[in-house]
Amino acid sequence: MLQAAIDAEVDDFLAEHSGRRDEQGRRLVVRNGSLPEREILTAAGTLPGASAASS
């Protein structure tokens, strides 16, 4: 549920800044994507998780 709220906020932010372009016409605000899902070991057990890619 939290991830869905974060994704919605990111989508809104990207839509708001979709018109920002550099001199070559490339978008200045983009989503970097995400890394492959992996298992995270916690005291409660193993949970699936994905993290955002950074550049």
PDB file of N, CA and C in Angstrom:
ATOM      1  N   MET A   1       0.815  -1.173   0.000  1.00  0.00           N
ATOM      2  CA  MET A   1       0.000   0.000   0.000  1.00  0.00           C
ATOM      3  C   MET A   1       0.873   1.257   0.000  1.00  0.00           C
ATOM      4  N   LEU A   2       1.929   1.254   0.794  1.00  0.00           N
ATOM      5  CA  LEU A   2       2.845   2.387   0.822  1.00  0.00           C
ATOM      6  C   LEU A   2       3.525   2.559  -0.532  1.00  0.00           C
ATOM      7  N   GLN A   3       3.947   1.463  -1.143  1.00  0.00           N
ATOM      8  CA  GLN A   3       4.602   1.532  -2.449  1.00  0.00           C
ATOM      9  C   GLN A   3       3.671   2.116  -3.496  1.00  0.00           C
ATOM     10  N   ALA A   4       2.401   1.772  -3.446  1.00  0.00           N
ATOM     11  CA  ALA A   4       1.434   2.313  -4.396  1.00  0.00           C
ATOM     12  C   ALA A   4       1.303   3.826  -4.232  1.00  0.00           C
ATOM     13  N   ALA A   5       1.306   4.314  -3.000  1.00  0.00           N
ATOM     14  CA  ALA A   5       1.222   5.752  -2.744  1.00  0.00           C
ATOM     15  C   ALA A   5       2.472   6.467  -3.242  1.00  0.00           C
ATOM     16  N   ILE A   6       3.628   5.873  -3.022  1.00  0.00           N
ATOM     17  CA  ILE A   6       4.885   6.458  -3.501  1.00  0.00           C
ATOM     18  C   ILE A   6       4.902   6.494  -5.019  1.00  0.00           C
ATOM     19  N   ASP A   7       4.491   5.401  -5.661  1.00  0.00           N
ATOM     20  CA  ASP A   7       4.453   5.353  -7.124  1.00  0.00           C
ATOM     21  C   ASP A   7       3.513   6.419  -7.691  1.00  0.00           C
ATOM     22  N   ALA A   8       2.373   6.621  -7.050  1.00  0.00           N
ATOM     23  CA  ALA A   8       1.420   7.635  -7.506  1.00  0.00           C
ATOM     24  C   ALA A   8       2.016   9.032  -7.376  1.00  0.00           C
ATOM     25  N   GLU A   9       2.722   9.285  -6.288  1.00  0.00           N
ATOM     26  CA  GLU A   9       3.348  10.596  -6.096  1.00  0.00           C
ATOM     27  C   GLU A   9       4.443  10.825  -7.137  1.00  0.00           C
ATOM     28  N   VAL A  10       5.229   9.812  -7.433  1.00  0.00           N
ATOM     29  CA  VAL A  10       6.272   9.933  -8.459  1.00  0.00           C
ATOM     30  C   VAL A  10       5.641  10.182  -9.822  1.00  0.00           C
ATOM     31  N   ASP A  11       4.580   9.462 -10.141  1.00  0.00           N
ATOM     32  CA  ASP A  11       3.889   9.663 -11.424  1.00  0.00           C
ATOM     33  C   ASP A  11       3.375  11.096 -11.550  1.00  0.00           C
ATOM     34  N   ASP A  12       2.796  11.629 -10.475  1.00  0.00           N
ATOM     35  CA  ASP A  12       2.301  13.005 -10.486  1.00  0.00           C
ATOM     36  C   ASP A  12       3.447  13.997 -10.697  1.00  0.00           C
ATOM     37  N   PHE A  13       4.563  13.764 -10.013  1.00  0.00           N
ATOM     38  CA  PHE A  13       5.719  14.651 -10.140  1.00  0.00           C
ATOM     39  C   PHE A  13       6.255  14.624 -11.568  1.00  0.00           C
ATOM     40  N   LEU A  14       6.372  13.431 -12.147  1.00  0.00           N
ATOM     41  CA  LEU A  14       6.869  13.309 -13.518  1.00  0.00           C
ATOM     42  C   LEU A  14       5.931  13.994 -14.507  1.00  0.00           C
ATOM     43  N   ALA A  15       4.630  13.854 -14.310  1.00  0.00           N
ATOM     44  CA  ALA A  15       3.661  14.489 -15.199  1.00  0.00           C
ATOM     45  C   ALA A  15       3.753  16.013 -15.093  1.00  0.00           C
ATOM     46  N   GLU A  16       3.943  16.515 -13.868  1.00  0.00           N
ATOM     47  CA  GLU A  16       4.035  17.956 -13.650  1.00  0.00           C
ATOM     48  C   GLU A  16       5.258  18.556 -14.349  1.00  0.00           C
ATOM     49  N   HIS A  17       6.342  17.783 -14.425  1.00  0.00           N
ATOM     50  CA  HIS A  17       7.594  18.289 -14.999  1.00  0.00           C
ATOM     51  C   HIS A  17       7.898  17.703 -16.379  1.00  0.00           C
ATOM     52  N   SER A  18       6.904  17.135 -17.029  1.00  0.00           N
ATOM     53  CA  SER A  18       7.134  16.481 -18.319  1.00  0.00           C
ATOM     54  C   SER A  18       7.555  17.449 -19.421  1.00  0.00           C
ATOM     55  N   GLY A  19       7.235  18.716 -19.277  1.00  0.00           N
ATOM     56  CA  GLY A  19       7.590  19.700 -20.295  1.00  0.00           C
ATOM     57  C   GLY A  19       9.000  20.251 -20.176  1.00  0.00           C
ATOM     58  N   ARG A  20       9.706  19.921 -19.107  1.00  0.00           N
ATOM     59  CA  ARG A  20      11.066  20.441 -18.920  1.00  0.00           C
ATOM     60  C   ARG A  20      12.020  19.694 -19.837  1.00  0.00           C
ATOM     61  N   ARG A  21      12.680  20.416 -20.726  1.00  0.00           N
ATOM     62  CA  ARG A  21      13.578  19.825 -21.720  1.00  0.00           C
ATOM     63  C   ARG A  21      14.899  20.595 -21.752  1.00  0.00           C
ATOM     64  N   ASP A  22      15.966  19.911 -22.183  1.00  0.00           N
ATOM     65  CA  ASP A  22      17.241  20.593 -22.379  1.00  0.00           C
ATOM     66  C   ASP A  22      17.330  21.127 -23.804  1.00  0.00           C
ATOM     67  N   GLU A  23      18.482  21.642 -24.168  1.00  0.00           N
ATOM     68  CA  GLU A  23      18.665  22.244 -25.486  1.00  0.00           C
ATOM     69  C   GLU A  23      18.486  21.237 -26.630  1.00  0.00           C
ATOM     70  N   GLN A  24      18.719  19.955 -26.363  1.00  0.00           N
ATOM     71  CA  GLN A  24      18.562  18.912 -27.383  1.00  0.00           C
ATOM     72  C   GLN A  24      17.160  18.307 -27.394  1.00  0.00           C
ATOM     73  N   GLY A  25      16.284  18.804 -26.546  1.00  0.00           N
ATOM     74  CA  GLY A  25      14.919  18.301 -26.505  1.00  0.00           C
ATOM     75  C   GLY A  25      14.713  17.090 -25.609  1.00  0.00           C
ATOM     76  N   ARG A  26      15.742  16.704 -24.859  1.00  0.00           N
ATOM     77  CA  ARG A  26      15.611  15.554 -23.951  1.00  0.00           C
ATOM     78  C   ARG A  26      14.949  15.984 -22.650  1.00  0.00           C
ATOM     79  N   ARG A  27      14.145  15.085 -22.095  1.00  0.00           N
ATOM     80  CA  ARG A  27      13.471  15.394 -20.828  1.00  0.00           C
ATOM     81  C   ARG A  27      14.501  15.529 -19.707  1.00  0.00           C
ATOM     82  N   LEU A  28      14.301  16.516 -18.845  1.00  0.00           N
ATOM     83  CA  LEU A  28      15.202  16.746 -17.721  1.00  0.00           C
ATOM     84  C   LEU A  28      14.802  15.953 -16.482  1.00  0.00           C
ATOM     85  N   VAL A  29      13.535  15.586 -16.375  1.00  0.00           N
ATOM     86  CA  VAL A  29      13.048  14.833 -15.216  1.00  0.00           C
ATOM     87  C   VAL A  29      12.537  13.491 -15.724  1.00  0.00           C
ATOM     88  N   VAL A  30      13.238  12.408 -15.329  1.00  0.00           N
ATOM     89  CA  VAL A  30      12.896  11.071 -15.794  1.00  0.00           C
ATOM     90  C   VAL A  30      12.937  10.091 -14.630  1.00  0.00           C
ATOM     91  N   ARG A  31      12.306   8.961 -14.821  1.00  0.00           N
ATOM     92  CA  ARG A  31      12.357   7.875 -13.835  1.00  0.00           C
ATOM     93  C   ARG A  31      13.532   6.975 -14.217  1.00  0.00           C
ATOM     94  N   ASN A  32      14.356   6.625 -13.247  1.00  0.00           N
ATOM     95  CA  ASN A  32      15.521   5.789 -13.514  1.00  0.00           C
ATOM     96  C   ASN A  32      15.190   4.310 -13.606  1.00  0.00           C
ATOM     97  N   GLY A  33      14.007   3.920 -13.199  1.00  0.00           N
ATOM     98  CA  GLY A  33      13.659   2.507 -13.213  1.00  0.00           C
ATOM     99  C   GLY A  33      13.912   1.874 -11.850  1.00  0.00           C
ATOM    100  N   SER A  34      13.978   0.564 -11.836  1.00  0.00           N
ATOM    101  CA  SER A  34      14.245  -0.129 -10.579  1.00  0.00           C
ATOM    102  C   SER A  34      15.102  -1.351 -10.846  1.00  0.00           C
ATOM    103  N   LEU A  35      15.753  -1.777  -9.807  1.00  0.00           N
ATOM    104  CA  LEU A  35      16.584  -2.967  -9.886  1.00  0.00           C
ATOM    105  C   LEU A  35      15.694  -4.206  -9.806  1.00  0.00           C
ATOM    106  N   PRO A  36      16.207  -5.364 -10.195  1.00  0.00           N
ATOM    107  CA  PRO A  36      15.391  -6.586 -10.098  1.00  0.00           C
ATOM    108  C   PRO A  36      14.964  -6.850  -8.650  1.00  0.00           C
ATOM    109  N   GLU A  37      13.793  -7.455  -8.502  1.00  0.00           N
ATOM    110  CA  GLU A  37      13.303  -7.793  -7.172  1.00  0.00           C
ATOM    111  C   GLU A  37      14.245  -8.803  -6.529  1.00  0.00           C
ATOM    112  N   ARG A  38      14.431  -8.666  -5.223  1.00  0.00           N
ATOM    113  CA  ARG A  38      15.282  -9.603  -4.496  1.00  0.00           C
ATOM    114  C   ARG A  38      14.645  -9.899  -3.152  1.00  0.00           C
ATOM    115  N   GLU A  39      15.140 -10.918  -2.486  1.00  0.00           N
ATOM    116  CA  GLU A  39      14.608 -11.285  -1.174  1.00  0.00           C
ATOM    117  C   GLU A  39      15.381 -10.547  -0.090  1.00  0.00           C
ATOM    118  N   ILE A  40      14.644 -10.023   0.886  1.00  0.00           N
ATOM    119  CA  ILE A  40      15.235  -9.317   2.012  1.00  0.00           C
ATOM    120  C   ILE A  40      14.974 -10.144   3.258  1.00  0.00           C
ATOM    121  N   LEU A  41      16.024 -10.496   3.956  1.00  0.00           N
ATOM    122  CA  LEU A  41      15.907 -11.320   5.156  1.00  0.00           C
ATOM    123  C   LEU A  41      15.674 -10.424   6.363  1.00  0.00           C
ATOM    124  N   THR A  42      14.573 -10.653   7.080  1.00  0.00           N
ATOM    125  CA  THR A  42      14.250  -9.902   8.290  1.00  0.00           C
ATOM    126  C   THR A  42      14.034 -10.887   9.427  1.00  0.00           C
ATOM    127  N   ALA A  43      13.879 -10.366  10.624  1.00  0.00           N
ATOM    128  CA  ALA A  43      13.613 -11.227  11.773  1.00  0.00           C
ATOM    129  C   ALA A  43      12.269 -11.937  11.612  1.00  0.00           C
ATOM    130  N   ALA A  44      11.350 -11.316  10.847  1.00  0.00           N
ATOM    131  CA  ALA A  44      10.030 -11.903  10.623  1.00  0.00           C
ATOM    132  C   ALA A  44      10.045 -12.924   9.490  1.00  0.00           C
ATOM    133  N   GLY A  45      11.144 -13.027   8.781  1.00  0.00           N
ATOM    134  CA  GLY A  45      11.224 -13.955   7.661  1.00  0.00           C
ATOM    135  C   GLY A  45      11.708 -13.253   6.407  1.00  0.00           C
ATOM    136  N   THR A  46      11.606 -13.934   5.295  1.00  0.00           N
ATOM    137  CA  THR A  46      12.059 -13.396   4.023  1.00  0.00           C
ATOM    138  C   THR A  46      10.925 -12.650   3.335  1.00  0.00           C
ATOM    139  N   LEU A  47      11.234 -11.446   2.832  1.00  0.00           N
ATOM    140  CA  LEU A  47      10.249 -10.609   2.144  1.00  0.00           C
ATOM    141  C   LEU A  47      10.760 -10.258   0.759  1.00  0.00           C
ATOM    142  N   PRO A  48       9.876 -10.213  -0.246  1.00  0.00           N
ATOM    143  CA  PRO A  48      10.310  -9.756  -1.561  1.00  0.00           C
ATOM    144  C   PRO A  48      10.446  -8.237  -1.543  1.00  0.00           C
ATOM    145  N   GLY A  49      11.406  -7.718  -2.277  1.00  0.00           N
ATOM    146  CA  GLY A  49      11.574  -6.264  -2.317  1.00  0.00           C
ATOM    147  C   GLY A  49      12.319  -5.828  -3.542  1.00  0.00           C
ATOM    148  N   ALA A  50      12.084  -4.604  -3.972  1.00  0.00           N
ATOM    149  CA  ALA A  50      12.793  -4.011  -5.093  1.00  0.00           C
ATOM    150  C   ALA A  50      13.245  -2.623  -4.681  1.00  0.00           C
ATOM    151  N   SER A  51      14.360  -2.204  -5.202  1.00  0.00           N
ATOM    152  CA  SER A  51      14.842  -0.858  -4.894  1.00  0.00           C
ATOM    153  C   SER A  51      14.975  -0.055  -6.169  1.00  0.00           C
ATOM    154  N   ALA A  52      14.922   1.243  -6.019  1.00  0.00           N
ATOM    155  CA  ALA A  52      15.040   2.142  -7.168  1.00  0.00           C
ATOM    156  C   ALA A  52      16.464   2.132  -7.682  1.00  0.00           C
ATOM    157  N   ALA A  53      16.617   2.248  -8.983  1.00  0.00           N
ATOM    158  CA  ALA A  53      17.944   2.356  -9.583  1.00  0.00           C
ATOM    159  C   ALA A  53      18.438   3.768  -9.418  1.00  0.00           C
ATOM    160  N   SER A  54      19.709   3.920  -9.245  1.00  0.00           N
ATOM    161  CA  SER A  54      20.298   5.264  -9.150  1.00  0.00           C
ATOM    162  C   SER A  54      21.417   5.385 -10.163  1.00  0.00           C
ATOM    163  N   SER A  55      21.641   6.596 -10.560  1.00  0.00           N
ATOM    164  CA  SER A  55      22.722   6.812 -11.536  1.00  0.00           C
ATOM    165  C   SER A  55      23.638   7.912 -11.074  1.00  0.00           C
TER     166      SER A  55
END
